[in-house]
N, C-alpha and C. Protein backbone atom coordinates (compact mmCIF):
# COMPACT_ATOMS: atom_id res chain seq x y z
N MET A 1 39.58 0.20 17.46
CA MET A 1 39.24 0.16 16.05
C MET A 1 39.34 -1.30 15.58
N TYR A 2 38.40 -1.70 14.73
CA TYR A 2 38.33 -3.05 14.19
C TYR A 2 38.17 -2.94 12.69
N ILE A 3 39.03 -3.61 11.92
CA ILE A 3 38.98 -3.55 10.46
C ILE A 3 38.83 -4.97 9.92
N LEU A 4 37.88 -5.15 9.03
CA LEU A 4 37.66 -6.44 8.39
C LEU A 4 37.61 -6.20 6.89
N THR A 5 38.52 -6.84 6.15
CA THR A 5 38.60 -6.65 4.71
C THR A 5 38.52 -8.00 4.01
N PHE A 6 37.71 -8.07 2.98
CA PHE A 6 37.62 -9.29 2.18
C PHE A 6 37.20 -8.91 0.77
N LYS A 7 38.00 -9.25 -0.20
CA LYS A 7 37.77 -8.92 -1.61
C LYS A 7 37.42 -7.44 -1.75
N LYS A 8 36.18 -7.12 -2.12
CA LYS A 8 35.81 -5.74 -2.39
C LYS A 8 35.16 -5.04 -1.20
N ILE A 9 34.99 -5.76 -0.10
CA ILE A 9 34.30 -5.19 1.07
C ILE A 9 35.32 -4.82 2.14
N ARG A 10 35.09 -3.67 2.74
CA ARG A 10 35.91 -3.26 3.89
C ARG A 10 34.96 -2.70 4.94
N ILE A 11 35.03 -3.27 6.14
CA ILE A 11 34.20 -2.81 7.24
C ILE A 11 35.12 -2.33 8.35
N VAL A 12 34.90 -1.10 8.78
CA VAL A 12 35.71 -0.52 9.85
C VAL A 12 34.77 -0.12 10.98
N VAL A 13 35.08 -0.61 12.18
CA VAL A 13 34.34 -0.22 13.37
C VAL A 13 35.29 0.63 14.19
N ARG A 14 34.93 1.90 14.35
CA ARG A 14 35.79 2.81 15.11
C ARG A 14 34.92 3.76 15.92
N ASN A 15 35.47 4.17 17.03
CA ASN A 15 34.76 5.08 17.92
C ASN A 15 33.30 4.66 18.05
N ASN A 16 32.42 5.42 17.48
CA ASN A 16 30.99 5.17 17.66
C ASN A 16 30.28 4.94 16.32
N GLU A 17 31.01 4.36 15.33
CA GLU A 17 30.39 4.18 14.03
C GLU A 17 30.94 2.97 13.30
N LEU A 18 30.14 2.50 12.34
CA LEU A 18 30.53 1.43 11.45
C LEU A 18 30.60 2.02 10.05
N VAL A 19 31.74 1.85 9.38
CA VAL A 19 31.91 2.35 8.02
C VAL A 19 31.96 1.14 7.10
N TYR A 20 31.02 1.09 6.14
CA TYR A 20 30.92 -0.01 5.19
C TYR A 20 31.37 0.50 3.84
N ASN A 21 32.42 -0.08 3.29
CA ASN A 21 32.97 0.35 2.02
C ASN A 21 32.88 -0.81 1.04
N TYR A 22 32.13 -0.61 -0.04
CA TYR A 22 32.03 -1.60 -1.11
C TYR A 22 32.40 -0.92 -2.41
N LYS A 23 33.43 -1.43 -3.06
CA LYS A 23 34.03 -0.80 -4.22
C LYS A 23 34.45 0.61 -3.81
N LYS A 24 33.83 1.65 -4.31
CA LYS A 24 34.24 3.01 -3.92
C LYS A 24 33.13 3.75 -3.19
N ASN A 25 32.10 3.02 -2.76
CA ASN A 25 30.99 3.63 -2.05
C ASN A 25 31.15 3.44 -0.55
N ASN A 26 31.03 4.53 0.19
CA ASN A 26 31.11 4.48 1.65
C ASN A 26 29.74 4.75 2.25
N GLU A 27 29.39 3.98 3.25
CA GLU A 27 28.20 4.26 4.04
C GLU A 27 28.64 4.27 5.50
N ILE A 28 28.22 5.28 6.22
CA ILE A 28 28.59 5.42 7.62
C ILE A 28 27.34 5.28 8.48
N PHE A 29 27.43 4.37 9.45
CA PHE A 29 26.32 4.11 10.36
C PHE A 29 26.78 4.45 11.77
N ASN A 30 26.17 5.46 12.37
CA ASN A 30 26.51 5.87 13.72
C ASN A 30 25.72 5.02 14.71
N PHE A 31 26.39 4.51 15.75
CA PHE A 31 25.74 3.63 16.72
C PHE A 31 24.69 4.36 17.56
N ASP A 32 24.77 5.69 17.64
CA ASP A 32 23.75 6.44 18.37
C ASP A 32 22.45 6.53 17.56
N THR A 33 22.57 6.44 16.24
CA THR A 33 21.42 6.60 15.34
C THR A 33 20.85 5.27 14.87
N TYR A 34 21.71 4.26 14.69
CA TYR A 34 21.28 2.98 14.13
C TYR A 34 21.36 1.85 15.17
N ARG A 35 20.40 0.94 15.08
CA ARG A 35 20.44 -0.32 15.83
C ARG A 35 20.74 -1.42 14.82
N PHE A 36 21.58 -2.36 15.21
CA PHE A 36 22.00 -3.42 14.30
C PHE A 36 21.47 -4.78 14.74
N LYS A 37 21.17 -5.61 13.74
CA LYS A 37 20.81 -7.00 13.97
C LYS A 37 21.45 -7.81 12.84
N ALA A 38 22.00 -8.96 13.18
CA ALA A 38 22.58 -9.84 12.17
C ALA A 38 21.54 -10.85 11.73
N ILE A 39 21.49 -11.11 10.44
CA ILE A 39 20.56 -12.09 9.89
C ILE A 39 21.38 -13.14 9.12
N VAL A 40 21.19 -14.41 9.50
CA VAL A 40 21.91 -15.51 8.87
C VAL A 40 20.88 -16.45 8.25
N ARG A 41 20.96 -16.65 6.96
CA ARG A 41 20.11 -17.63 6.27
C ARG A 41 20.99 -18.82 5.92
N GLY A 42 20.82 -19.90 6.67
CA GLY A 42 21.69 -21.06 6.57
C GLY A 42 21.69 -21.76 5.23
N GLU A 43 20.52 -22.05 4.68
CA GLU A 43 20.44 -22.80 3.43
C GLU A 43 21.12 -22.06 2.29
N ARG A 44 20.88 -20.80 2.21
CA ARG A 44 21.42 -20.00 1.10
C ARG A 44 22.78 -19.40 1.42
N ARG A 45 23.22 -19.55 2.64
CA ARG A 45 24.48 -18.95 3.11
C ARG A 45 24.50 -17.45 2.86
N GLN A 46 23.44 -16.79 3.32
CA GLN A 46 23.35 -15.34 3.20
C GLN A 46 23.62 -14.72 4.56
N TYR A 47 24.46 -13.70 4.58
CA TYR A 47 24.81 -13.00 5.81
C TYR A 47 24.52 -11.52 5.62
N ARG A 48 23.65 -10.97 6.46
CA ARG A 48 23.25 -9.58 6.34
C ARG A 48 23.32 -8.89 7.69
N LEU A 49 23.62 -7.61 7.66
CA LEU A 49 23.46 -6.75 8.83
C LEU A 49 22.26 -5.87 8.53
N GLU A 50 21.34 -5.83 9.46
CA GLU A 50 20.16 -4.98 9.32
C GLU A 50 20.38 -3.76 10.20
N ALA A 51 20.41 -2.59 9.58
CA ALA A 51 20.62 -1.34 10.30
C ALA A 51 19.31 -0.55 10.28
N THR A 52 18.75 -0.29 11.46
CA THR A 52 17.49 0.44 11.58
C THR A 52 17.75 1.77 12.27
N ASN A 53 17.31 2.87 11.65
CA ASN A 53 17.53 4.18 12.26
C ASN A 53 16.34 4.60 13.13
N GLU A 54 16.40 5.80 13.68
CA GLU A 54 15.37 6.30 14.60
C GLU A 54 14.00 6.40 13.96
N ASN A 55 13.96 6.61 12.63
CA ASN A 55 12.69 6.76 11.92
C ASN A 55 12.10 5.42 11.47
N GLY A 56 12.79 4.33 11.80
CA GLY A 56 12.31 3.01 11.41
C GLY A 56 12.74 2.58 10.02
N GLU A 57 13.55 3.39 9.36
CA GLU A 57 14.05 3.02 8.04
C GLU A 57 15.11 1.93 8.19
N VAL A 58 15.03 0.91 7.35
CA VAL A 58 15.92 -0.24 7.45
C VAL A 58 16.83 -0.29 6.24
N LYS A 59 18.12 -0.51 6.49
CA LYS A 59 19.09 -0.74 5.42
C LYS A 59 19.71 -2.10 5.66
N LEU A 60 19.78 -2.90 4.59
CA LEU A 60 20.43 -4.20 4.68
C LEU A 60 21.83 -4.10 4.10
N ILE A 61 22.79 -4.56 4.86
CA ILE A 61 24.18 -4.55 4.42
C ILE A 61 24.55 -5.99 4.06
N ASN A 62 24.88 -6.21 2.80
CA ASN A 62 25.22 -7.54 2.32
C ASN A 62 26.64 -7.90 2.76
N CYS A 63 26.77 -9.00 3.49
CA CYS A 63 28.08 -9.45 3.98
C CYS A 63 28.40 -10.86 3.49
N ASP A 64 27.78 -11.28 2.37
CA ASP A 64 28.01 -12.63 1.85
C ASP A 64 29.48 -12.90 1.55
N TYR A 65 30.17 -11.92 1.02
CA TYR A 65 31.58 -12.10 0.66
C TYR A 65 32.45 -12.44 1.86
N LEU A 66 32.02 -12.05 3.04
CA LEU A 66 32.83 -12.28 4.23
C LEU A 66 32.92 -13.75 4.61
N GLY A 67 31.88 -14.51 4.31
CA GLY A 67 31.84 -15.91 4.74
C GLY A 67 31.45 -15.98 6.21
N TRP A 68 31.10 -17.17 6.67
CA TRP A 68 30.60 -17.34 8.02
C TRP A 68 31.62 -16.97 9.09
N LYS A 69 32.86 -17.42 8.92
CA LYS A 69 33.89 -17.21 9.95
C LYS A 69 34.12 -15.72 10.21
N ASN A 70 34.29 -14.93 9.15
CA ASN A 70 34.52 -13.50 9.30
C ASN A 70 33.26 -12.76 9.75
N PHE A 71 32.10 -13.21 9.27
CA PHE A 71 30.84 -12.58 9.69
C PHE A 71 30.62 -12.79 11.18
N LYS A 72 30.94 -13.98 11.65
CA LYS A 72 30.80 -14.28 13.08
C LYS A 72 31.73 -13.39 13.92
N LYS A 73 32.95 -13.16 13.43
CA LYS A 73 33.88 -12.25 14.12
C LYS A 73 33.28 -10.84 14.22
N LEU A 74 32.66 -10.40 13.12
CA LEU A 74 32.05 -9.08 13.10
C LEU A 74 30.89 -9.00 14.09
N ILE A 75 30.05 -10.03 14.13
CA ILE A 75 28.92 -10.07 15.07
C ILE A 75 29.43 -9.99 16.50
N ASN A 76 30.47 -10.75 16.79
CA ASN A 76 31.04 -10.75 18.15
C ASN A 76 31.64 -9.39 18.49
N GLU A 77 32.28 -8.76 17.54
CA GLU A 77 32.88 -7.44 17.77
C GLU A 77 31.82 -6.39 18.06
N LEU A 78 30.72 -6.45 17.31
CA LEU A 78 29.64 -5.47 17.49
C LEU A 78 28.73 -5.81 18.67
N LYS A 79 28.79 -7.07 19.13
CA LYS A 79 27.94 -7.53 20.23
C LYS A 79 26.46 -7.28 19.92
N ILE A 80 26.00 -7.84 18.81
CA ILE A 80 24.63 -7.64 18.38
C ILE A 80 23.86 -8.97 18.35
N ASP A 81 22.54 -8.87 18.38
CA ASP A 81 21.69 -10.05 18.30
C ASP A 81 21.73 -10.63 16.90
N THR A 82 21.52 -11.96 16.84
CA THR A 82 21.56 -12.65 15.57
C THR A 82 20.27 -13.43 15.38
N GLU A 83 19.70 -13.32 14.19
CA GLU A 83 18.50 -14.08 13.84
C GLU A 83 18.90 -15.13 12.81
N TYR A 84 18.63 -16.40 13.14
CA TYR A 84 18.97 -17.51 12.22
C TYR A 84 17.70 -17.95 11.51
N ILE A 85 17.75 -18.00 10.19
CA ILE A 85 16.61 -18.40 9.38
C ILE A 85 17.06 -19.57 8.49
N ASN A 86 16.27 -20.65 8.47
CA ASN A 86 16.63 -21.80 7.61
C ASN A 86 16.04 -21.66 6.24
């Protein structure tokens, strides 16, 4: 289990799912159903996780509050590809 908390965001990686909690809203992403990609926009310092399900529907998870150091830890924990955009 991996837990990352910063201000109002809490991300928990456990068993076979990622749980994203912002304020009081929970979203659960199962690794069997979703594929993840990290998107980093350097100029604007935007950090996003792109979650794509089997039907091709895409959800963007805003991780700006985490900052680069914590976002990088999350990317390494999930072992996902990263797209860098200037």
